[in-house]
C-alpha atoms as a PDB file:
ATOM      1  CA  UNK A   1     -24.706  69.462  28.803  1.00  0.00           C
ATOM      2  CA  UNK A   2     -25.590  66.396  31.469  1.00  0.00           C
ATOM      3  CA  UNK A   3     -26.215  67.262  34.954  1.00  0.00           C
ATOM      4  CA  UNK A   4     -23.586  65.820  37.809  1.00  0.00           C
ATOM      5  CA  UNK A   5     -26.138  63.002  38.495  1.00  0.00           C
ATOM      6  CA  UNK A   6     -26.707  61.724  34.946  1.00  0.00           C
ATOM      7  CA  UNK A   7     -23.151  61.558  34.706  1.00  0.00           C
ATOM      8  CA  UNK A   8     -22.629  59.653  37.632  1.00  0.00           C
ATOM      9  CA  UNK A   9     -25.261  57.192  36.294  1.00  0.00           C
ATOM     10  CA  UNK A  10     -23.201  56.768  33.187  1.00  0.00           C
ATOM     11  CA  UNK A  11     -20.279  56.154  34.987  1.00  0.00           C
ATOM     12  CA  UNK A  12     -21.782  53.569  37.238  1.00  0.00           C
ATOM     13  CA  UNK A  13     -22.436  52.008  33.715  1.00  0.00           C
ATOM     14  CA  UNK A  14     -18.848  52.050  32.503  1.00  0.00           C
ATOM     15  CA  UNK A  15     -17.093  50.810  35.450  1.00  0.00           C
ATOM     16  CA  UNK A  16     -19.337  47.992  36.181  1.00  0.00           C
ATOM     17  CA  UNK A  17     -20.058  45.989  39.512  1.00  0.00           C
ATOM     18  CA  UNK A  18     -17.888  46.462  42.431  1.00  0.00           C
ATOM     19  CA  UNK A  19     -15.478  43.510  43.126  1.00  0.00           C
ATOM     20  CA  UNK A  20     -16.605  40.992  45.547  1.00  0.00           C
ATOM     21  CA  UNK A  21     -15.111  42.277  48.922  1.00  0.00           C
ATOM     22  CA  UNK A  22     -16.854  45.451  48.100  1.00  0.00           C
ATOM     23  CA  UNK A  23     -20.388  45.217  49.420  1.00  0.00           C
ATOM     24  CA  UNK A  24     -21.443  48.702  48.197  1.00  0.00           C
ATOM     25  CA  UNK A  25     -20.081  50.514  45.220  1.00  0.00           C
ATOM     26  CA  UNK A  26     -20.844  53.437  43.224  1.00  0.00           C
ATOM     27  CA  UNK A  27     -24.182  55.316  44.007  1.00  0.00           C
ATOM     28  CA  UNK A  28     -24.254  56.277  47.078  1.00  0.00           C
ATOM     29  CA  UNK A  29     -22.609  58.125  49.662  1.00  0.00           C
ATOM     30  CA  UNK A  30     -19.715  55.847  49.849  1.00  0.00           C
ATOM     31  CA  UNK A  31     -18.379  52.602  49.200  1.00  0.00           C
ATOM     32  CA  UNK A  32     -18.208  49.751  51.605  1.00  0.00           C
ATOM     33  CA  UNK A  33     -15.974  46.689  52.396  1.00  0.00           C
ATOM     34  CA  UNK A  34     -16.839  43.349  53.801  1.00  0.00           C
ATOM     35  CA  UNK A  35     -14.719  43.161  56.680  1.00  0.00           C
ATOM     36  CA  UNK A  36     -14.840  39.323  56.788  1.00  0.00           C
ATOM     37  CA  UNK A  37     -14.505  39.242  53.327  1.00  0.00           C
ATOM     38  CA  UNK A  38     -11.088  41.760  53.226  1.00  0.00           C
ATOM     39  CA  UNK A  39      -9.573  39.012  56.009  1.00  0.00           C
ATOM     40  CA  UNK A  40      -9.333  36.594  53.846  1.00  0.00           C
ATOM     41  CA  UNK A  41      -7.357  38.483  51.231  1.00  0.00           C
ATOM     42  CA  UNK A  42      -4.441  39.634  53.125  1.00  0.00           C
ATOM     43  CA  UNK A  43      -3.214  40.604  56.689  1.00  0.00           C
ATOM     44  CA  UNK A  44      -2.633  44.312  55.869  1.00  0.00           C
ATOM     45  CA  UNK A  45      -4.453  46.755  54.016  1.00  0.00           C
ATOM     46  CA  UNK A  46      -2.269  49.550  51.496  1.00  0.00           C
ATOM     47  CA  UNK A  47      -4.099  52.461  50.908  1.00  0.00           C
ATOM     48  CA  UNK A  48      -2.836  55.417  48.675  1.00  0.00           C
ATOM     49  CA  UNK A  49      -3.741  57.980  46.360  1.00  0.00           C
ATOM     50  CA  UNK A  50      -2.169  59.777  43.544  1.00  0.00           C
ATOM     51  CA  UNK A  51      -3.117  62.707  41.290  1.00  0.00           C
ATOM     52  CA  UNK A  52      -2.864  63.921  37.431  1.00  0.00           C
ATOM     53  CA  UNK A  53      -3.193  67.696  36.677  1.00  0.00           C
ATOM     54  CA  UNK A  54      -3.825  69.407  33.527  1.00  0.00           C
ATOM     55  CA  UNK A  55      -0.334  71.561  32.805  1.00  0.00           C
ATOM     56  CA  UNK A  56       1.230  69.956  35.692  1.00  0.00           C
ATOM     57  CA  UNK A  57       1.201  66.239  34.521  1.00  0.00           C
ATOM     58  CA  UNK A  58       0.044  65.734  31.246  1.00  0.00           C
ATOM     59  CA  UNK A  59      -0.876  68.443  28.518  1.00  0.00           C
ATOM     60  CA  UNK A  60      -4.098  67.856  26.160  1.00  0.00           C
ATOM     61  CA  UNK A  61      -2.425  67.870  22.424  1.00  0.00           C
ATOM     62  CA  UNK A  62       0.005  65.206  23.923  1.00  0.00           C
ATOM     63  CA  UNK A  63      -2.591  62.392  25.058  1.00  0.00           C
ATOM     64  CA  UNK A  64      -6.184  61.367  24.409  1.00  0.00           C
ATOM     65  CA  UNK A  65      -8.770  61.496  27.278  1.00  0.00           C
ATOM     66  CA  UNK A  66      -9.122  57.554  26.969  1.00  0.00           C
ATOM     67  CA  UNK A  67      -5.691  57.103  27.389  1.00  0.00           C
ATOM     68  CA  UNK A  68      -5.260  59.906  30.301  1.00  0.00           C
ATOM     69  CA  UNK A  69      -7.918  57.779  32.086  1.00  0.00           C
ATOM     70  CA  UNK A  70      -5.659  54.523  31.875  1.00  0.00           C
ATOM     71  CA  UNK A  71      -2.387  56.464  32.731  1.00  0.00           C
ATOM     72  CA  UNK A  72      -3.701  58.128  35.696  1.00  0.00           C
ATOM     73  CA  UNK A  73      -5.217  54.947  37.102  1.00  0.00           C
ATOM     74  CA  UNK A  74      -1.842  53.241  36.722  1.00  0.00           C
ATOM     75  CA  UNK A  75       0.328  55.946  37.908  1.00  0.00           C
ATOM     76  CA  UNK A  76      -1.767  55.060  41.488  1.00  0.00           C
ATOM     77  CA  UNK A  77      -1.899  51.536  41.041  1.00  0.00           C
ATOM     78  CA  UNK A  78       1.940  51.757  40.470  1.00  0.00           C
ATOM     79  CA  UNK A  79       2.218  52.423  44.205  1.00  0.00           C
ATOM     80  CA  UNK A  80       0.040  49.490  45.352  1.00  0.00           C
ATOM     81  CA  UNK A  81       2.667  47.462  42.988  1.00  0.00           C
ATOM     82  CA  UNK A  82       5.920  48.827  44.705  1.00  0.00           C
ATOM     83  CA  UNK A  83       4.164  47.723  48.343  1.00  0.00           C
ATOM     84  CA  UNK A  84       3.589  44.024  47.064  1.00  0.00           C
ATOM     85  CA  UNK A  85      -0.221  44.422  47.353  1.00  0.00           C
ATOM     86  CA  UNK A  86      -3.028  42.749  45.438  1.00  0.00           C
ATOM     87  CA  UNK A  87      -5.345  46.261  44.109  1.00  0.00           C
ATOM     88  CA  UNK A  88      -8.673  46.130  45.598  1.00  0.00           C
ATOM     89  CA  UNK A  89     -11.099  48.855  44.667  1.00  0.00           C
ATOM     90  CA  UNK A  90     -10.394  52.499  43.422  1.00  0.00           C
ATOM     91  CA  UNK A  91     -12.006  55.768  44.288  1.00  0.00           C
ATOM     92  CA  UNK A  92     -11.962  58.261  41.344  1.00  0.00           C
ATOM     93  CA  UNK A  93     -12.373  62.162  41.469  1.00  0.00           C
ATOM     94  CA  UNK A  94     -12.628  63.917  38.322  1.00  0.00           C
ATOM     95  CA  UNK A  95     -12.452  67.922  38.333  1.00  0.00           C
ATOM     96  CA  UNK A  96     -13.417  69.256  34.653  1.00  0.00           C
ATOM     97  CA  UNK A  97     -14.040  72.423  33.461  1.00  0.00           C
ATOM     98  CA  UNK A  98     -17.410  74.001  32.712  1.00  0.00           C
ATOM     99  CA  UNK A  99     -18.353  72.758  28.833  1.00  0.00           C
ATOM    100  CA  UNK A 100     -16.299  69.740  29.004  1.00  0.00           C
ATOM    101  CA  UNK A 101     -17.670  67.569  26.535  1.00  0.00           C
ATOM    102  CA  UNK A 102     -20.005  64.455  27.284  1.00  0.00           C
ATOM    103  CA  UNK A 103     -18.308  61.645  25.058  1.00  0.00           C
ATOM    104  CA  UNK A 104     -14.590  63.048  26.468  1.00  0.00           C
ATOM    105  CA  UNK A 105     -15.832  62.027  30.012  1.00  0.00           C
ATOM    106  CA  UNK A 106     -16.873  58.767  28.984  1.00  0.00           C
ATOM    107  CA  UNK A 107     -13.587  58.485  27.391  1.00  0.00           C
ATOM    108  CA  UNK A 108     -11.568  59.382  30.799  1.00  0.00           C
ATOM    109  CA  UNK A 109     -14.073  56.857  32.878  1.00  0.00           C
ATOM    110  CA  UNK A 110     -13.426  54.116  29.957  1.00  0.00           C
ATOM    111  CA  UNK A 111      -9.391  54.407  30.260  1.00  0.00           C
ATOM    112  CA  UNK A 112      -9.909  54.355  34.033  1.00  0.00           C
ATOM    113  CA  UNK A 113     -12.036  51.181  33.523  1.00  0.00           C
ATOM    114  CA  UNK A 114     -10.218  49.279  31.534  1.00  0.00           C
ATOM    115  CA  UNK A 115      -6.797  49.948  33.421  1.00  0.00           C
ATOM    116  CA  UNK A 116      -8.695  48.569  36.755  1.00  0.00           C
ATOM    117  CA  UNK A 117      -9.821  45.864  35.059  1.00  0.00           C
ATOM    118  CA  UNK A 118      -6.074  45.051  33.404  1.00  0.00           C
ATOM    119  CA  UNK A 119      -4.823  44.773  36.724  1.00  0.00           C
ATOM    120  CA  UNK A 120      -7.818  42.757  37.967  1.00  0.00           C
ATOM    121  CA  UNK A 121      -9.511  45.503  40.193  1.00  0.00           C
ATOM    122  CA  UNK A 122     -12.580  47.911  39.811  1.00  0.00           C
ATOM    123  CA  UNK A 123     -13.436  51.680  40.392  1.00  0.00           C
ATOM    124  CA  UNK A 124     -16.005  51.387  43.421  1.00  0.00           C
ATOM    125  CA  UNK A 125     -16.934  55.144  43.790  1.00  0.00           C
ATOM    126  CA  UNK A 126     -15.402  58.882  43.650  1.00  0.00           C
ATOM    127  CA  UNK A 127     -16.097  62.568  43.005  1.00  0.00           C
ATOM    128  CA  UNK A 128     -17.278  64.731  40.109  1.00  0.00           C
ATOM    129  CA  UNK A 129     -16.249  68.465  40.488  1.00  0.00           C
ATOM    130  CA  UNK A 130     -15.997  71.995  38.202  1.00  0.00           C
ATOM    131  CA  UNK A 131     -12.785  73.321  38.368  1.00  0.00           C
ATOM    132  CA  UNK A 132     -11.048  75.430  35.905  1.00  0.00           C
ATOM    133  CA  UNK A 133      -8.441  72.682  34.649  1.00  0.00           C
ATOM    134  CA  UNK A 134      -8.719  68.524  34.186  1.00  0.00           C
ATOM    135  CA  UNK A 135      -7.687  67.089  37.307  1.00  0.00           C
ATOM    136  CA  UNK A 136      -8.087  63.172  38.548  1.00  0.00           C
ATOM    137  CA  UNK A 137      -7.003  62.096  41.835  1.00  0.00           C
ATOM    138  CA  UNK A 138      -7.408  58.005  42.513  1.00  0.00           C
ATOM    139  CA  UNK A 139      -7.188  56.514  45.467  1.00  0.00           C
ATOM    140  CA  UNK A 140      -6.478  52.543  45.536  1.00  0.00           C
ATOM    141  CA  UNK A 141      -6.800  50.389  47.933  1.00  0.00           C
ATOM    142  CA  UNK A 142      -4.942  46.740  48.285  1.00  0.00           C
ATOM    143  CA  UNK A 143      -4.355  43.843  50.639  1.00  0.00           C
ATOM    144  CA  UNK A 144      -0.820  42.506  51.370  1.00  0.00           C
ATOM    145  CA  UNK A 145       0.599  39.417  53.919  1.00  0.00           C
ATOM    146  CA  UNK A 146       4.088  41.718  53.738  1.00  0.00           C
ATOM    147  CA  UNK A 147       4.948  45.506  52.594  1.00  0.00           C
ATOM    148  CA  UNK A 148       8.829  46.257  51.815  1.00  0.00           C
ATOM    149  CA  UNK A 149       9.477  49.370  52.790  1.00  0.00           C
ATOM    150  CA  UNK A 150      12.107  51.813  51.076  1.00  0.00           C
ATOM    151  CA  UNK A 151      14.167  51.477  54.736  1.00  0.00           C
ATOM    152  CA  UNK A 152      15.488  47.720  54.373  1.00  0.00           C
ATOM    153  CA  UNK A 153      17.932  47.677  52.399  1.00  0.00           C
ATOM    154  CA  UNK A 154      21.281  46.435  54.006  1.00  0.00           C
ATOM    155  CA  UNK A 155      25.013  45.973  52.574  1.00  0.00           C
ATOM    156  CA  UNK A 156      26.145  43.141  50.297  1.00  0.00           C
ATOM    157  CA  UNK A 157      22.309  42.848  48.819  1.00  0.00           C
ATOM    158  CA  UNK A 158      21.372  43.439  45.072  1.00  0.00           C
ATOM    159  CA  UNK A 159      19.307  46.367  43.183  1.00  0.00           C
ATOM    160  CA  UNK A 160      16.913  44.644  40.789  1.00  0.00           C
ATOM    161  CA  UNK A 161      14.453  45.989  38.572  1.00  0.00           C
ATOM    162  CA  UNK A 162      11.376  44.666  36.755  1.00  0.00           C
ATOM    163  CA  UNK A 163      10.349  46.699  33.865  1.00  0.00           C
ATOM    164  CA  UNK A 164      11.751  49.562  31.289  1.00  0.00           C
ATOM    165  CA  UNK A 165      13.559  51.780  32.055  1.00  0.00           C
ATOM    166  CA  UNK A 166      13.765  55.286  30.390  1.00  0.00           C
ATOM    167  CA  UNK A 167      11.594  54.554  27.830  1.00  0.00           C
ATOM    168  CA  UNK A 168       8.874  56.369  28.579  1.00  0.00           C
ATOM    169  CA  UNK A 169      10.765  59.452  29.302  1.00  0.00           C
ATOM    170  CA  UNK A 170      11.939  59.295  25.704  1.00  0.00           C
ATOM    171  CA  UNK A 171       8.743  58.514  24.637  1.00  0.00           C
ATOM    172  CA  UNK A 172       7.199  62.204  25.960  1.00  0.00           C
ATOM    173  CA  UNK A 173      10.306  63.840  24.495  1.00  0.00           C
ATOM    174  CA  UNK A 174       9.540  62.204  20.856  1.00  0.00           C
ATOM    175  CA  UNK A 175       5.829  63.777  21.775  1.00  0.00           C
ATOM    176  CA  UNK A 176       7.578  66.967  22.293  1.00  0.00           C
ATOM    177  CA  UNK A 177       9.189  66.879  19.211  1.00  0.00           C
ATOM    178  CA  UNK A 178       5.653  67.318  17.463  1.00  0.00           C
ATOM    179  CA  UNK A 179       6.952  64.726  14.830  1.00  0.00           C
ATOM    180  CA  UNK A 180       8.075  61.292  16.239  1.00  0.00           C
ATOM    181  CA  UNK A 181      10.476  59.713  14.413  1.00  0.00           C
ATOM    182  CA  UNK A 182       9.725  56.149  12.930  1.00  0.00           C
ATOM    183  CA  UNK A 183      10.454  53.589  15.580  1.00  0.00           C
ATOM    184  CA  UNK A 184       9.561  55.595  18.403  1.00  0.00           C
ATOM    185  CA  UNK A 185       6.386  54.175  18.229  1.00  0.00           C
ATOM    186  CA  UNK A 186       6.694  51.685  21.394  1.00  0.00           C
ATOM    187  CA  UNK A 187       8.337  54.450  23.814  1.00  0.00           C
ATOM    188  CA  UNK A 188       5.391  56.836  23.187  1.00  0.00           C
ATOM    189  CA  UNK A 189       3.193  53.988  23.966  1.00  0.00           C
ATOM    190  CA  UNK A 190       5.390  53.502  27.222  1.00  0.00           C
ATOM    191  CA  UNK A 191       4.289  57.018  28.244  1.00  0.00           C
ATOM    192  CA  UNK A 192       0.870  57.446  27.566  1.00  0.00           C
ATOM    193  CA  UNK A 193      -0.588  53.551  28.609  1.00  0.00           C
ATOM    194  CA  UNK A 194       2.346  52.554  31.354  1.00  0.00           C
ATOM    195  CA  UNK A 195       1.477  49.376  33.194  1.00  0.00           C
ATOM    196  CA  UNK A 196       1.574  49.272  37.210  1.00  0.00           C
ATOM    197  CA  UNK A 197       3.746  46.009  37.673  1.00  0.00           C
ATOM    198  CA  UNK A 198       1.289  44.500  40.165  1.00  0.00           C
ATOM    199  CA  UNK A 199       2.536  40.712  39.349  1.00  0.00           C
ATOM    200  CA  UNK A 200       6.183  42.018  39.506  1.00  0.00           C
ATOM    201  CA  UNK A 201       5.481  43.563  43.072  1.00  0.00           C
ATOM    202  CA  UNK A 202       4.015  40.514  44.340  1.00  0.00           C
ATOM    203  CA  UNK A 203       6.933  37.998  43.596  1.00  0.00           C
ATOM    204  CA  UNK A 204       9.446  40.425  44.756  1.00  0.00           C
ATOM    205  CA  UNK A 205       7.852  40.479  47.987  1.00  0.00           C
ATOM    206  CA  UNK A 206       8.618  37.111  48.730  1.00  0.00           C
ATOM    207  CA  UNK A 207      12.489  37.951  48.793  1.00  0.00           C
ATOM    208  CA  UNK A 208      12.604  41.912  48.892  1.00  0.00           C
ATOM    209  CA  UNK A 209      14.401  43.603  51.593  1.00  0.00           C
ATOM    210  CA  UNK A 210      13.404  47.418  49.974  1.00  0.00           C
ATOM    211  CA  UNK A 211      11.445  48.443  47.039  1.00  0.00           C
ATOM    212  CA  UNK A 212      10.163  51.239  45.284  1.00  0.00           C
ATOM    213  CA  UNK A 213       8.311  52.180  42.057  1.00  0.00           C
ATOM    214  CA  UNK A 214      10.299  54.560  39.531  1.00  0.00           C
ATOM    215  CA  UNK A 215       7.756  57.778  39.047  1.00  0.00           C
ATOM    216  CA  UNK A 216      10.080  60.342  39.067  1.00  0.00           C
ATOM    217  CA  UNK A 217      13.221  58.844  38.098  1.00  0.00           C
ATOM    218  CA  UNK A 218      15.925  56.217  38.543  1.00  0.00           C
ATOM    219  CA  UNK A 219      18.164  58.566  40.443  1.00  0.00           C
ATOM    220  CA  UNK A 220      15.816  60.300  42.519  1.00  0.00           C
ATOM    221  CA  UNK A 221      13.803  57.098  43.224  1.00  0.00           C
ATOM    222  CA  UNK A 222      16.761  54.836  44.495  1.00  0.00           C
ATOM    223  CA  UNK A 223      18.122  58.277  46.142  1.00  0.00           C
ATOM    224  CA  UNK A 224      14.943  57.745  48.104  1.00  0.00           C
ATOM    225  CA  UNK A 225      15.969  54.115  48.946  1.00  0.00           C
ATOM    226  CA  UNK A 226      19.546  54.909  50.072  1.00  0.00           C
ATOM    227  CA  UNK A 227      18.522  57.684  52.151  1.00  0.00           C
ATOM    228  CA  UNK A 228      15.711  55.378  54.103  1.00  0.00           C
ATOM    229  CA  UNK A 229      18.391  52.685  54.563  1.00  0.00           C
ATOM    230  CA  UNK A 230      21.203  54.506  55.099  1.00  0.00           C
ATOM    231  CA  UNK A 231      23.397  52.681  52.607  1.00  0.00           C
ATOM    232  CA  UNK A 232      25.126  53.612  49.447  1.00  0.00           C
ATOM    233  CA  UNK A 233      23.756  52.148  45.769  1.00  0.00           C
ATOM    234  CA  UNK A 234      26.323  52.106  43.206  1.00  0.00           C
ATOM    235  CA  UNK A 235      24.392  51.381  39.547  1.00  0.00           C
ATOM    236  CA  UNK A 236      25.416  49.626  37.056  1.00  0.00           C
ATOM    237  CA  UNK A 237      25.722  51.895  33.919  1.00  0.00           C
ATOM    238  CA  UNK A 238      25.689  48.679  31.302  1.00  0.00           C
ATOM    239  CA  UNK A 239      22.775  47.086  32.547  1.00  0.00           C
ATOM    240  CA  UNK A 240      20.585  50.312  33.017  1.00  0.00           C
ATOM    241  CA  UNK A 241      20.563  51.246  29.103  1.00  0.00           C
ATOM    242  CA  UNK A 242      18.501  47.794  26.697  1.00  0.00           C
ATOM    243  CA  UNK A 243      18.964  47.331  23.890  1.00  0.00           C
ATOM    244  CA  UNK A 244      15.513  48.774  22.925  1.00  0.00           C
ATOM    245  CA  UNK A 245      16.171  52.312  24.820  1.00  0.00           C
ATOM    246  CA  UNK A 246      19.323  52.943  22.655  1.00  0.00           C
ATOM    247  CA  UNK A 247      17.720  52.080  19.362  1.00  0.00           C
ATOM    248  CA  UNK A 248      15.096  54.885  20.442  1.00  0.00           C
ATOM    249  CA  UNK A 249      16.916  57.518  21.666  1.00  0.00           C
ATOM    250  CA  UNK A 250      19.214  57.133  18.738  1.00  0.00           C
ATOM    251  CA  UNK A 251      16.510  57.938  16.815  1.00  0.00           C
ATOM    252  CA  UNK A 252      15.918  60.805  19.029  1.00  0.00           C
ATOM    253  CA  UNK A 253      19.323  62.036  19.139  1.00  0.00           C
ATOM    254  CA  UNK A 254      19.044  61.722  22.854  1.00  0.00           C
ATOM    255  CA  UNK A 255      21.791  60.297  25.414  1.00  0.00           C
ATOM    256  CA  UNK A 256      19.989  56.821  26.740  1.00  0.00           C
ATOM    257  CA  UNK A 257      21.764  56.754  30.194  1.00  0.00           C
ATOM    258  CA  UNK A 258      20.644  60.004  31.189  1.00  0.00           C
ATOM    259  CA  UNK A 259      16.923  58.994  29.952  1.00  0.00           C
ATOM    260  CA  UNK A 260      17.575  55.718  32.206  1.00  0.00           C
ATOM    261  CA  UNK A 261      18.275  58.224  35.205  1.00  0.00           C
ATOM    262  CA  UNK A 262      16.450  61.176  34.517  1.00  0.00           C
ATOM    263  CA  UNK A 263      13.290  59.996  33.149  1.00  0.00           C
ATOM    264  CA  UNK A 264      10.149  58.940  34.988  1.00  0.00           C
ATOM    265  CA  UNK A 265       6.682  58.082  34.468  1.00  0.00           C
ATOM    266  CA  UNK A 266       7.976  54.027  33.320  1.00  0.00           C
ATOM    267  CA  UNK A 267       6.815  52.518  36.540  1.00  0.00           C
ATOM    268  CA  UNK A 268       8.789  49.940  36.737  1.00  0.00           C
ATOM    269  CA  UNK A 269      10.145  48.544  40.032  1.00  0.00           C
ATOM    270  CA  UNK A 270      13.398  48.289  41.918  1.00  0.00           C
ATOM    271  CA  UNK A 271      14.040  46.279  45.106  1.00  0.00           C
ATOM    272  CA  UNK A 272      17.033  45.158  46.892  1.00  0.00           C
ATOM    273  CA  UNK A 273      17.201  41.501  47.396  1.00  0.00           C
ATOM    274  CA  UNK A 274      19.821  39.161  49.219  1.00  0.00           C
ATOM    275  CA  UNK A 275      22.272  37.963  46.359  1.00  0.00           C
ATOM    276  CA  UNK A 276      21.315  34.953  44.361  1.00  0.00           C
ATOM    277  CA  UNK A 277      17.337  35.621  45.015  1.00  0.00           C
ATOM    278  CA  UNK A 278      16.631  37.523  41.876  1.00  0.00           C
ATOM    279  CA  UNK A 279      12.979  37.021  41.299  1.00  0.00           C
ATOM    280  CA  UNK A 280      12.793  35.582  37.407  1.00  0.00           C
ATOM    281  CA  UNK A 281      11.555  38.506  35.338  1.00  0.00           C
ATOM    282  CA  UNK A 282      13.815  40.892  36.560  1.00  0.00           C
ATOM    283  CA  UNK A 283      17.381  42.221  35.693  1.00  0.00           C
ATOM    284  CA  UNK A 284      20.543  43.555  38.390  1.00  0.00           C
ATOM    285  CA  UNK A 285      21.504  46.995  37.824  1.00  0.00           C
ATOM    286  CA  UNK A 286      23.422  47.759  40.872  1.00  0.00           C
ATOM    287  CA  UNK A 287      24.770  46.618  44.283  1.00  0.00           C
ATOM    288  CA  UNK A 288      24.175  48.235  47.625  1.00  0.00           C
ATOM    289  CA  UNK A 289      27.216  48.963  49.908  1.00  0.00           C
ATOM    290  CA  UNK A 290      28.062  50.627  53.109  1.00  0.00           C
ATOM    291  CA  UNK A 291      27.724  54.535  52.536  1.00  0.00           C
ATOM    292  CA  UNK A 292      24.937  56.863  51.456  1.00  0.00           C
ATOM    293  CA  UNK A 293      23.774  58.263  47.457  1.00  0.00           C
ATOM    294  CA  UNK A 294      23.463  57.015  44.762  1.00  0.00           C
ATOM    295  CA  UNK A 295      26.769  56.474  42.298  1.00  0.00           C
ATOM    296  CA  UNK A 296      27.445  55.808  39.117  1.00  0.00           C
ATOM    297  CA  UNK A 297      31.366  54.937  37.826  1.00  0.00           C
ATOM    298  CA  UNK A 298      32.726  56.780  41.127  1.00  0.00           C
ATOM    299  CA  UNK A 299      30.994  59.508  40.540  1.00  0.00           C
ATOM    300  CA  UNK A 300      27.825  60.499  42.960  1.00  0.00           C
ATOM    301  CA  UNK A 301      24.572  61.264  41.589  1.00  0.00           C
ATOM    302  CA  UNK A 302      22.246  64.128  41.900  1.00  0.00           C
ATOM    303  CA  UNK A 303      18.266  63.998  42.294  1.00  0.00           C
ATOM    304  CA  UNK A 304      17.646  65.178  38.417  1.00  0.00           C
ATOM    305  CA  UNK A 305      13.811  63.551  38.530  1.00  0.00           C
ATOM    306  CA  UNK A 306      10.736  65.147  38.683  1.00  0.00           C
ATOM    307  CA  UNK A 307       9.984  67.716  41.566  1.00  0.00           C
ATOM    308  CA  UNK A 308       6.280  68.960  41.697  1.00  0.00           C
ATOM    309  CA  UNK A 309       7.730  72.217  43.974  1.00  0.00           C
ATOM    310  CA  UNK A 310      11.298  72.345  42.091  1.00  0.00           C
ATOM    311  CA  UNK A 311      11.398  75.837  40.242  1.00  0.00           C
ATOM    312  CA  UNK A 312      12.495  75.569  36.732  1.00  0.00           C
END
């Protein structure tokens, strides 16, 4: 088994050189950012961190190591997208059990590097540690001119979405069946290889009054917007179920509306915008009114998405 420092040397090769605004990347005690270069990129810095822990967020039999590296990175990057920011660089902390195979370390890193490249950034540092289970923590830095918060929605606005809703959760259900039905490949890929919607976030930030990514389920994440903004959100059921989601759910015997409302890990974006300012590539899925909570067909929805500390 390779030593910690041999692994770091290999990872430095896999991750490659840092972006221009980073004057010192992997190989020292910490990464160093160029303050002058940063001043030209955006008025504000955006930071986020996300963890992916074995038997909490993933099971080994459901996902390969490359896909795990990709997925864990994109989960963190989705928070950058939700703030209307451009990614600048990432720090990745990797915890591994004793005897973890070296080729699998490289596969995780290759997935992280590929995900970073897909959104125009790079891994610029991190940490290695021993642990009982595999755990990946990703810190991402970004820059933005305007960061739409959760508390800016106002009555009379529209709720719009960018990206699929419910497809990733449907893909996970297909994997849990152990023999995914034909025609579910796209849904499985949506769970294993999500895309942080950086370009959509930048576009939405130009008109959005509030924005959030869907990581824990639409009903729950929309409720965060409603609560922070002190408004009511009425969802349109017809707009939530796309033809693709309907077809995949039919293959698996699932209710597509339930998957759209309660499924997570799509990393789609939802945002509130004034009427007439929906960006290209988004679709209207609801309206903002006076009141509180998230509603569908006259009934208030419970928060049915993922919660790390909810029992059961």
